[in-house]
Amino acid sequence: MNFKKIAKIIAVIAALIGLAAAAYFAITKLTAKKEPEYFDDNDFFECDNEIEIVEVKEEDAAVEEAKKEAEPKKKAAPKKKAANKKAE
């Protein structure tokens, strides 16, 4: 036997082992029993539940002024021409 035939046989065996491994992992992943994963809230953040409330009056005034500026001015309704013609 020459070296090329031996290399081809080893390559074919390696390919078959790779296909078998891929099939095994695909089947185990698809048929695995789904178990819920539970988390402890303390793992993510710490909470004292001591919230400090700070009141700021300057910001409230600025927000109110911005609302007043944003409101469009109301225009007087145009007079109807048909009503004026009937009155004449």
N, C-alpha and C. Protein backbone atom coordinates (compact mmCIF):
# COMPACT_ATOMS: atom_id res chain seq x y z
N MET A 1 0.85 -1.18 0.00
CA MET A 1 0.00 0.00 0.00
C MET A 1 0.89 1.24 0.00
N ASN A 2 0.46 2.20 -0.75
CA ASN A 2 1.29 3.39 -0.74
C ASN A 2 0.70 4.43 0.24
N PHE A 3 1.45 5.48 0.45
CA PHE A 3 1.12 6.49 1.47
C PHE A 3 -0.19 7.22 1.16
N LYS A 4 -0.51 7.48 -0.09
CA LYS A 4 -1.72 8.20 -0.47
C LYS A 4 -2.97 7.43 -0.09
N LYS A 5 -2.99 6.12 -0.27
CA LYS A 5 -4.16 5.31 0.10
C LYS A 5 -4.36 5.33 1.61
N ILE A 6 -3.28 5.24 2.36
CA ILE A 6 -3.37 5.26 3.82
C ILE A 6 -3.91 6.61 4.28
N ALA A 7 -3.45 7.70 3.70
CA ALA A 7 -3.92 9.04 4.06
C ALA A 7 -5.40 9.19 3.73
N LYS A 8 -5.86 8.67 2.60
CA LYS A 8 -7.28 8.75 2.22
C LYS A 8 -8.14 7.95 3.20
N ILE A 9 -7.67 6.77 3.59
CA ILE A 9 -8.43 5.94 4.53
C ILE A 9 -8.55 6.63 5.89
N ILE A 10 -7.47 7.23 6.36
CA ILE A 10 -7.49 7.96 7.64
C ILE A 10 -8.42 9.17 7.54
N ALA A 11 -8.40 9.87 6.41
CA ALA A 11 -9.27 11.03 6.21
C ALA A 11 -10.74 10.61 6.22
N VAL A 12 -11.06 9.48 5.58
CA VAL A 12 -12.44 9.00 5.55
C VAL A 12 -12.89 8.62 6.95
N ILE A 13 -12.04 7.96 7.71
CA ILE A 13 -12.38 7.57 9.08
C ILE A 13 -12.61 8.81 9.95
N ALA A 14 -11.74 9.82 9.81
CA ALA A 14 -11.89 11.07 10.57
C ALA A 14 -13.19 11.78 10.21
N ALA A 15 -13.55 11.78 8.92
CA ALA A 15 -14.79 12.42 8.49
C ALA A 15 -16.01 11.70 9.07
N LEU A 16 -15.97 10.36 9.08
CA LEU A 16 -17.09 9.60 9.65
C LEU A 16 -17.22 9.86 11.14
N ILE A 17 -16.10 9.94 11.85
CA ILE A 17 -16.15 10.24 13.29
C ILE A 17 -16.70 11.64 13.52
N GLY A 18 -16.32 12.60 12.68
CA GLY A 18 -16.84 13.97 12.79
C GLY A 18 -18.34 14.03 12.55
N LEU A 19 -18.82 13.31 11.56
CA LEU A 19 -20.26 13.27 11.29
C LEU A 19 -21.02 12.62 12.44
N ALA A 20 -20.46 11.56 13.01
CA ALA A 20 -21.11 10.89 14.14
C ALA A 20 -21.17 11.82 15.35
N ALA A 21 -20.09 12.55 15.60
CA ALA A 21 -20.07 13.48 16.73
C ALA A 21 -21.09 14.61 16.52
N ALA A 22 -21.17 15.13 15.31
CA ALA A 22 -22.13 16.20 15.02
C ALA A 22 -23.56 15.70 15.20
N ALA A 23 -23.85 14.51 14.73
CA ALA A 23 -25.19 13.94 14.88
C ALA A 23 -25.51 13.72 16.36
N TYR A 24 -24.55 13.25 17.12
CA TYR A 24 -24.76 13.01 18.56
C TYR A 24 -25.09 14.31 19.27
N PHE A 25 -24.30 15.37 19.03
CA PHE A 25 -24.55 16.64 19.71
C PHE A 25 -25.87 17.26 19.27
N ALA A 26 -26.24 17.12 18.00
CA ALA A 26 -27.51 17.67 17.52
C ALA A 26 -28.69 16.94 18.17
N ILE A 27 -28.60 15.64 18.25
CA ILE A 27 -29.69 14.87 18.85
C ILE A 27 -29.82 15.16 20.34
N THR A 28 -28.69 15.23 21.05
CA THR A 28 -28.77 15.51 22.49
C THR A 28 -29.29 16.91 22.75
N LYS A 29 -28.95 17.87 21.89
CA LYS A 29 -29.44 19.24 22.10
C LYS A 29 -30.93 19.34 21.82
N LEU A 30 -31.41 18.68 20.80
CA LEU A 30 -32.82 18.75 20.44
C LEU A 30 -33.71 17.98 21.41
N THR A 31 -33.21 16.88 21.96
CA THR A 31 -34.05 16.05 22.82
C THR A 31 -33.76 16.25 24.30
N ALA A 32 -32.94 17.23 24.64
CA ALA A 32 -32.61 17.47 26.05
C ALA A 32 -33.85 17.94 26.80
N LYS A 33 -33.98 17.50 28.04
CA LYS A 33 -35.10 17.91 28.88
C LYS A 33 -34.89 19.36 29.30
N LYS A 34 -35.87 20.19 29.04
CA LYS A 34 -35.77 21.61 29.36
C LYS A 34 -36.06 21.81 30.84
N GLU A 35 -35.08 22.30 31.57
CA GLU A 35 -35.26 22.59 32.99
C GLU A 35 -35.23 24.09 33.19
N PRO A 36 -36.15 24.62 33.99
CA PRO A 36 -36.14 26.06 34.22
C PRO A 36 -34.88 26.47 34.99
N GLU A 37 -34.40 27.64 34.64
CA GLU A 37 -33.21 28.15 35.30
C GLU A 37 -33.63 29.24 36.28
N TYR A 38 -33.32 29.05 37.54
CA TYR A 38 -33.72 29.98 38.57
C TYR A 38 -32.55 30.89 38.92
N PHE A 39 -32.85 32.17 39.12
CA PHE A 39 -31.84 33.16 39.47
C PHE A 39 -32.18 33.77 40.82
N ASP A 40 -31.15 34.12 41.52
CA ASP A 40 -31.31 34.83 42.79
C ASP A 40 -31.14 36.32 42.49
N ASP A 41 -32.09 37.13 42.90
CA ASP A 41 -32.03 38.56 42.61
C ASP A 41 -30.78 39.21 43.20
N ASN A 42 -30.28 38.68 44.28
CA ASN A 42 -29.11 39.28 44.92
C ASN A 42 -27.85 39.10 44.07
N ASP A 43 -27.89 38.21 43.09
CA ASP A 43 -26.74 38.05 42.21
C ASP A 43 -26.58 39.23 41.27
N PHE A 44 -27.67 39.94 40.99
CA PHE A 44 -27.63 41.00 40.00
C PHE A 44 -27.46 42.39 40.60
N PHE A 45 -28.09 42.67 41.72
CA PHE A 45 -27.98 44.00 42.31
C PHE A 45 -28.29 43.93 43.80
N GLU A 46 -27.84 44.95 44.48
CA GLU A 46 -28.16 45.06 45.89
C GLU A 46 -29.16 46.19 46.06
N CYS A 47 -30.15 45.97 46.89
CA CYS A 47 -31.19 46.97 47.09
C CYS A 47 -31.39 47.19 48.58
N ASP A 48 -31.27 48.44 49.02
CA ASP A 48 -31.44 48.76 50.45
C ASP A 48 -32.89 49.00 50.80
N ASN A 49 -33.67 49.38 49.81
CA ASN A 49 -35.06 49.81 50.01
C ASN A 49 -35.12 51.07 50.86
N GLU A 50 -34.04 51.81 50.91
CA GLU A 50 -34.01 53.11 51.59
C GLU A 50 -33.81 54.17 50.52
N ILE A 51 -34.90 54.58 49.91
CA ILE A 51 -34.83 55.53 48.82
C ILE A 51 -34.95 56.93 49.38
N GLU A 52 -34.05 57.79 48.97
CA GLU A 52 -34.07 59.17 49.44
C GLU A 52 -34.77 60.02 48.39
N ILE A 53 -35.80 60.74 48.79
CA ILE A 53 -36.56 61.57 47.87
C ILE A 53 -36.10 63.01 48.03
N VAL A 54 -35.70 63.61 46.94
CA VAL A 54 -35.23 64.98 46.95
C VAL A 54 -36.17 65.80 46.08
N GLU A 55 -36.73 66.85 46.65
CA GLU A 55 -37.64 67.70 45.89
C GLU A 55 -36.88 68.90 45.37
N VAL A 56 -37.04 69.18 44.08
CA VAL A 56 -36.37 70.30 43.45
C VAL A 56 -37.43 71.18 42.82
N LYS A 57 -37.53 72.42 43.27
CA LYS A 57 -38.57 73.32 42.77
C LYS A 57 -38.15 74.00 41.48
N GLU A 58 -36.86 74.21 41.26
CA GLU A 58 -36.39 74.90 40.06
C GLU A 58 -36.75 74.12 38.79
N GLU A 59 -36.61 72.82 38.83
CA GLU A 59 -36.91 72.00 37.66
C GLU A 59 -38.40 72.03 37.35
N ASP A 60 -39.24 72.03 38.39
CA ASP A 60 -40.68 72.06 38.16
C ASP A 60 -41.09 73.36 37.47
N ALA A 61 -40.50 74.48 37.87
CA ALA A 61 -40.83 75.76 37.26
C ALA A 61 -40.39 75.77 35.80
N ALA A 62 -39.23 75.20 35.52
CA ALA A 62 -38.74 75.18 34.15
C ALA A 62 -39.64 74.32 33.26
N VAL A 63 -40.15 73.24 33.80
CA VAL A 63 -41.03 72.37 33.03
C VAL A 63 -42.35 73.07 32.75
N GLU A 64 -42.89 73.80 33.73
CA GLU A 64 -44.14 74.51 33.53
C GLU A 64 -43.99 75.61 32.49
N GLU A 65 -42.86 76.32 32.50
CA GLU A 65 -42.63 77.37 31.51
C GLU A 65 -42.53 76.76 30.11
N ALA A 66 -41.89 75.63 30.00
CA ALA A 66 -41.75 74.98 28.70
C ALA A 66 -43.11 74.56 28.17
N LYS A 67 -43.99 74.10 29.05
CA LYS A 67 -45.34 73.70 28.62
C LYS A 67 -46.12 74.92 28.12
N LYS A 68 -45.98 76.05 28.81
CA LYS A 68 -46.70 77.25 28.41
C LYS A 68 -46.23 77.73 27.04
N GLU A 69 -44.92 77.66 26.80
CA GLU A 69 -44.38 78.09 25.52
C GLU A 69 -44.80 77.14 24.39
N ALA A 70 -44.96 75.87 24.70
CA ALA A 70 -45.28 74.88 23.68
C ALA A 70 -46.74 74.95 23.23
N GLU A 71 -47.62 75.52 24.06
CA GLU A 71 -49.03 75.60 23.70
C GLU A 71 -49.23 76.62 22.58
N PRO A 72 -49.86 76.23 21.48
CA PRO A 72 -50.10 77.18 20.39
C PRO A 72 -51.21 78.16 20.77
N LYS A 73 -51.09 79.35 20.26
CA LYS A 73 -52.12 80.36 20.53
C LYS A 73 -53.35 80.08 19.68
N LYS A 74 -54.51 80.25 20.26
CA LYS A 74 -55.75 80.00 19.53
C LYS A 74 -56.12 81.23 18.73
N LYS A 75 -56.47 81.00 17.47
CA LYS A 75 -56.88 82.10 16.60
C LYS A 75 -58.40 82.17 16.58
N ALA A 76 -58.91 83.34 16.33
CA ALA A 76 -60.35 83.52 16.25
C ALA A 76 -60.87 82.81 15.00
N ALA A 77 -62.03 82.23 15.11
CA ALA A 77 -62.61 81.50 13.99
C ALA A 77 -62.98 82.50 12.89
N PRO A 78 -62.72 82.16 11.65
CA PRO A 78 -63.08 83.08 10.56
C PRO A 78 -64.60 83.18 10.44
N LYS A 79 -65.02 84.37 10.10
CA LYS A 79 -66.47 84.60 9.96
C LYS A 79 -66.95 83.97 8.67
N LYS A 80 -68.17 83.47 8.71
CA LYS A 80 -68.72 82.82 7.52
C LYS A 80 -69.25 83.89 6.56
N LYS A 81 -68.89 83.76 5.32
CA LYS A 81 -69.32 84.71 4.30
C LYS A 81 -70.77 84.53 3.94
N ALA A 82 -71.24 83.29 4.02
CA ALA A 82 -72.63 83.00 3.64
C ALA A 82 -73.58 83.68 4.62
N ALA A 83 -73.24 83.74 5.87
CA ALA A 83 -74.10 84.37 6.86
C ALA A 83 -74.15 85.87 6.62
N ASN A 84 -73.04 86.44 6.17
CA ASN A 84 -73.00 87.87 5.90
C ASN A 84 -73.86 88.23 4.68
N LYS A 85 -73.90 87.37 3.68
CA LYS A 85 -74.67 87.64 2.49
C LYS A 85 -76.18 87.59 2.77
N LYS A 86 -76.60 86.68 3.64
CA LYS A 86 -78.02 86.55 3.97
C LYS A 86 -78.49 87.77 4.76
N ALA A 87 -77.61 88.29 5.59
CA ALA A 87 -77.99 89.44 6.40
C ALA A 87 -78.17 90.67 5.56
N GLU A 88 -77.50 90.75 4.43
CA GLU A 88 -77.63 91.92 3.56
C GLU A 88 -78.90 91.87 2.82
